[in-house]
Amino acid sequence: MTRVAWEEPRSPRLERIQHLHAMANELRANPGRWAVAYDDVTPNVASRRAGDIRNGLLASFRPAGAFEATTRATAGRARVYVRYIGEKGGSAS
């Protein structure tokens, strides 16, 4: 008899969205602390993703301006660092 392995297909996009949402919540709980959002990406990708975070283009990192993001590149690869700085009119500390 053949053995069948039952398994739902993974959704890498959904997993990444869930990861970013959890990260944003952790950052809100720890205002001012930096965390690595993306690691080992090209500098172009890092720059685009950092801009997406700063501008609130990723739903987890809204409203725009509530998160600060920066990149650091070494040897053709880059990291994106992000921290929660608070919403306009509010305070992160």
N, C-alpha and C. Protein backbone atom coordinates (compact mmCIF):
# COMPACT_ATOMS: atom_id res chain seq x y z
N MET A 1 0.84 -1.18 0.00
CA MET A 1 0.00 0.00 0.00
C MET A 1 0.89 1.25 0.00
N THR A 2 0.50 2.23 -0.78
CA THR A 2 1.23 3.49 -0.86
C THR A 2 0.87 4.38 0.32
N ARG A 3 1.88 4.97 0.86
CA ARG A 3 1.66 5.89 1.97
C ARG A 3 1.49 7.30 1.43
N VAL A 4 0.46 8.00 1.85
CA VAL A 4 0.18 9.35 1.41
C VAL A 4 0.56 10.33 2.53
N ALA A 5 1.30 11.35 2.16
CA ALA A 5 1.67 12.39 3.12
C ALA A 5 0.71 13.56 2.93
N TRP A 6 -0.17 13.76 3.87
CA TRP A 6 -1.14 14.85 3.79
C TRP A 6 -0.54 16.10 4.41
N GLU A 7 -0.63 17.18 3.67
CA GLU A 7 -0.07 18.44 4.17
C GLU A 7 -0.62 19.59 3.34
N GLU A 8 -0.99 20.66 4.03
CA GLU A 8 -1.44 21.86 3.34
C GLU A 8 -0.22 22.57 2.76
N PRO A 9 -0.36 23.17 1.59
CA PRO A 9 0.79 23.90 1.04
C PRO A 9 1.10 25.14 1.87
N ARG A 10 2.40 25.42 2.02
CA ARG A 10 2.83 26.60 2.77
C ARG A 10 2.52 27.85 1.97
N SER A 11 2.34 28.93 2.68
CA SER A 11 2.14 30.22 2.06
C SER A 11 3.25 31.15 2.55
N PRO A 12 4.41 31.18 1.85
CA PRO A 12 5.51 32.03 2.31
C PRO A 12 5.10 33.49 2.46
N ARG A 13 4.25 33.99 1.58
CA ARG A 13 3.82 35.39 1.67
C ARG A 13 3.03 35.62 2.96
N LEU A 14 2.10 34.72 3.26
CA LEU A 14 1.31 34.84 4.48
C LEU A 14 2.21 34.73 5.71
N GLU A 15 3.18 33.82 5.68
CA GLU A 15 4.10 33.68 6.80
C GLU A 15 4.91 34.95 7.00
N ARG A 16 5.34 35.59 5.92
CA ARG A 16 6.12 36.82 6.03
C ARG A 16 5.26 37.96 6.58
N ILE A 17 4.01 38.03 6.13
CA ILE A 17 3.09 39.05 6.63
C ILE A 17 2.87 38.86 8.13
N GLN A 18 2.67 37.62 8.55
CA GLN A 18 2.46 37.33 9.97
C GLN A 18 3.71 37.68 10.78
N HIS A 19 4.88 37.39 10.21
CA HIS A 19 6.15 37.71 10.88
C HIS A 19 6.30 39.23 11.05
N LEU A 20 6.02 39.99 9.99
CA LEU A 20 6.14 41.44 10.06
C LEU A 20 5.14 42.04 11.03
N HIS A 21 3.92 41.49 11.07
CA HIS A 21 2.90 41.98 12.00
C HIS A 21 3.36 41.73 13.45
N ALA A 22 3.89 40.54 13.71
CA ALA A 22 4.38 40.23 15.06
C ALA A 22 5.56 41.14 15.42
N MET A 23 6.45 41.39 14.45
CA MET A 23 7.58 42.26 14.70
C MET A 23 7.12 43.68 15.02
N ALA A 24 6.18 44.20 14.25
CA ALA A 24 5.67 45.55 14.50
C ALA A 24 5.06 45.66 15.89
N ASN A 25 4.35 44.63 16.31
CA ASN A 25 3.77 44.63 17.66
C ASN A 25 4.86 44.63 18.73
N GLU A 26 5.92 43.83 18.52
CA GLU A 26 7.04 43.80 19.46
C GLU A 26 7.72 45.16 19.53
N LEU A 27 7.90 45.80 18.38
CA LEU A 27 8.53 47.11 18.34
C LEU A 27 7.68 48.15 19.07
N ARG A 28 6.37 48.07 18.91
CA ARG A 28 5.48 49.00 19.64
C ARG A 28 5.61 48.80 21.15
N ALA A 29 5.83 47.56 21.56
CA ALA A 29 5.96 47.26 22.98
C ALA A 29 7.35 47.67 23.52
N ASN A 30 8.29 47.94 22.61
CA ASN A 30 9.64 48.32 22.99
C ASN A 30 10.09 49.55 22.19
N PRO A 31 9.43 50.67 22.38
CA PRO A 31 9.73 51.86 21.58
C PRO A 31 11.20 52.27 21.70
N GLY A 32 11.74 52.71 20.56
CA GLY A 32 13.10 53.20 20.52
C GLY A 32 14.17 52.13 20.33
N ARG A 33 13.81 50.85 20.45
CA ARG A 33 14.78 49.77 20.29
C ARG A 33 14.82 49.32 18.84
N TRP A 34 16.02 49.14 18.31
CA TRP A 34 16.21 48.71 16.93
C TRP A 34 16.11 47.19 16.81
N ALA A 35 15.58 46.74 15.69
CA ALA A 35 15.51 45.31 15.38
C ALA A 35 15.82 45.13 13.89
N VAL A 36 16.27 43.95 13.52
CA VAL A 36 16.54 43.64 12.12
C VAL A 36 15.24 43.14 11.49
N ALA A 37 14.76 43.88 10.49
CA ALA A 37 13.53 43.50 9.79
C ALA A 37 13.85 42.60 8.60
N TYR A 38 14.92 42.92 7.89
CA TYR A 38 15.35 42.13 6.73
C TYR A 38 16.86 41.96 6.83
N ASP A 39 17.32 40.77 6.52
CA ASP A 39 18.74 40.48 6.59
C ASP A 39 19.20 39.84 5.28
N ASP A 40 20.41 40.13 4.88
CA ASP A 40 21.03 39.51 3.71
C ASP A 40 20.23 39.73 2.42
N VAL A 41 19.88 40.99 2.19
CA VAL A 41 19.21 41.38 0.94
C VAL A 41 20.14 42.32 0.18
N THR A 42 19.84 42.56 -1.08
CA THR A 42 20.66 43.50 -1.84
C THR A 42 20.41 44.92 -1.32
N PRO A 43 21.39 45.81 -1.49
CA PRO A 43 21.18 47.19 -1.05
C PRO A 43 19.95 47.85 -1.68
N ASN A 44 19.67 47.53 -2.94
CA ASN A 44 18.47 48.08 -3.60
C ASN A 44 17.20 47.64 -2.89
N VAL A 45 17.11 46.35 -2.61
CA VAL A 45 15.93 45.81 -1.92
C VAL A 45 15.84 46.42 -0.52
N ALA A 46 16.96 46.51 0.16
CA ALA A 46 16.97 47.07 1.52
C ALA A 46 16.44 48.51 1.51
N SER A 47 16.92 49.29 0.57
CA SER A 47 16.49 50.69 0.48
C SER A 47 14.99 50.79 0.23
N ARG A 48 14.48 49.97 -0.67
CA ARG A 48 13.05 49.99 -1.00
C ARG A 48 12.22 49.56 0.21
N ARG A 49 12.63 48.50 0.88
CA ARG A 49 11.86 48.01 2.03
C ARG A 49 11.91 48.99 3.20
N ALA A 50 13.05 49.63 3.41
CA ALA A 50 13.13 50.64 4.47
C ALA A 50 12.18 51.80 4.17
N GLY A 51 12.13 52.22 2.92
CA GLY A 51 11.20 53.28 2.52
C GLY A 51 9.76 52.87 2.71
N ASP A 52 9.45 51.62 2.37
CA ASP A 52 8.08 51.11 2.55
C ASP A 52 7.67 51.16 4.03
N ILE A 53 8.61 50.81 4.91
CA ILE A 53 8.32 50.84 6.35
C ILE A 53 8.12 52.28 6.81
N ARG A 54 9.04 53.16 6.48
CA ARG A 54 8.94 54.57 6.90
C ARG A 54 7.66 55.23 6.41
N ASN A 55 7.26 54.91 5.19
CA ASN A 55 6.09 55.55 4.58
C ASN A 55 4.78 54.83 4.86
N GLY A 56 4.81 53.79 5.68
CA GLY A 56 3.59 53.08 6.03
C GLY A 56 2.98 52.30 4.89
N LEU A 57 3.78 51.92 3.90
CA LEU A 57 3.26 51.16 2.77
C LEU A 57 3.02 49.69 3.12
N LEU A 58 3.62 49.23 4.20
CA LEU A 58 3.35 47.89 4.72
C LEU A 58 2.34 48.05 5.86
N ALA A 59 1.23 47.36 5.76
CA ALA A 59 0.13 47.54 6.72
C ALA A 59 0.58 47.40 8.17
N SER A 60 1.52 46.49 8.44
CA SER A 60 1.97 46.27 9.82
C SER A 60 2.67 47.49 10.40
N PHE A 61 3.22 48.34 9.53
CA PHE A 61 4.01 49.49 9.97
C PHE A 61 3.29 50.81 9.75
N ARG A 62 2.00 50.82 9.96
CA ARG A 62 1.21 52.05 9.85
C ARG A 62 0.90 52.57 11.24
N PRO A 63 0.67 53.85 11.37
CA PRO A 63 0.60 54.88 10.34
C PRO A 63 2.00 55.29 9.87
N ALA A 64 2.04 55.92 8.71
CA ALA A 64 3.30 56.40 8.16
C ALA A 64 3.98 57.31 9.17
N GLY A 65 5.27 57.13 9.33
CA GLY A 65 6.02 57.96 10.26
C GLY A 65 6.13 57.41 11.66
N ALA A 66 5.40 56.35 11.97
CA ALA A 66 5.45 55.78 13.32
C ALA A 66 6.69 54.92 13.53
N PHE A 67 7.30 54.48 12.42
CA PHE A 67 8.48 53.64 12.48
C PHE A 67 9.61 54.31 11.73
N GLU A 68 10.80 54.16 12.26
CA GLU A 68 12.01 54.63 11.59
C GLU A 68 12.72 53.41 11.03
N ALA A 69 13.26 53.51 9.83
CA ALA A 69 13.98 52.40 9.23
C ALA A 69 15.25 52.92 8.58
N THR A 70 16.31 52.13 8.68
CA THR A 70 17.59 52.49 8.07
C THR A 70 18.25 51.22 7.55
N THR A 71 19.22 51.38 6.69
CA THR A 71 19.92 50.22 6.12
C THR A 71 21.41 50.32 6.42
N ARG A 72 22.05 49.17 6.43
CA ARG A 72 23.50 49.08 6.53
C ARG A 72 23.94 48.00 5.54
N ALA A 73 24.91 48.34 4.70
CA ALA A 73 25.37 47.41 3.67
C ALA A 73 26.84 47.07 3.90
N THR A 74 27.17 45.82 3.61
CA THR A 74 28.54 45.33 3.68
C THR A 74 28.73 44.29 2.58
N ALA A 75 29.75 44.44 1.78
CA ALA A 75 30.11 43.46 0.76
C ALA A 75 28.95 43.11 -0.16
N GLY A 76 28.21 44.11 -0.58
CA GLY A 76 27.13 43.88 -1.54
C GLY A 76 25.84 43.33 -0.96
N ARG A 77 25.77 43.15 0.34
CA ARG A 77 24.55 42.67 1.00
C ARG A 77 24.13 43.71 2.03
N ALA A 78 22.88 43.69 2.45
CA ALA A 78 22.41 44.72 3.37
C ALA A 78 21.43 44.17 4.39
N ARG A 79 21.26 44.95 5.45
CA ARG A 79 20.26 44.69 6.49
C ARG A 79 19.37 45.92 6.59
N VAL A 80 18.12 45.69 6.98
CA VAL A 80 17.19 46.78 7.26
C VAL A 80 16.90 46.75 8.76
N TYR A 81 17.18 47.86 9.42
CA TYR A 81 16.89 48.01 10.85
C TYR A 81 15.66 48.90 10.99
N VAL A 82 14.83 48.58 11.97
CA VAL A 82 13.61 49.34 12.17
C VAL A 82 13.35 49.52 13.67
N ARG A 83 12.73 50.66 14.01
CA ARG A 83 12.31 50.88 15.40
C ARG A 83 11.03 51.70 15.39
N TYR A 84 10.27 51.54 16.46
CA TYR A 84 9.03 52.29 16.65
C TYR A 84 9.38 53.60 17.34
N ILE A 85 8.95 54.71 16.74
CA ILE A 85 9.23 56.02 17.33
C ILE A 85 7.96 56.73 17.78
N GLY A 86 6.82 56.14 17.55
CA GLY A 86 5.55 56.71 18.00
C GLY A 86 4.77 57.38 16.89
N GLU A 87 3.50 57.52 17.13
CA GLU A 87 2.63 58.14 16.16
C GLU A 87 2.63 59.65 16.34
N LYS A 88 2.37 60.37 15.28
CA LYS A 88 2.33 61.83 15.36
C LYS A 88 1.33 62.26 16.42
N GLY A 89 1.76 63.19 17.24
CA GLY A 89 0.89 63.66 18.31
C GLY A 89 0.99 62.81 19.55
N GLY A 90 1.70 61.66 19.43
CA GLY A 90 1.86 60.78 20.57
C GLY A 90 3.32 60.73 20.97
N SER A 91 3.62 59.86 21.89
CA SER A 91 4.99 59.70 22.35
C SER A 91 5.36 58.25 22.39
N ALA A 92 6.57 57.93 21.98
CA ALA A 92 7.03 56.54 21.99
C ALA A 92 7.70 56.20 23.31
N SER A 93 7.99 57.17 24.16
CA SER A 93 8.69 56.85 25.40
C SER A 93 7.85 56.93 26.63
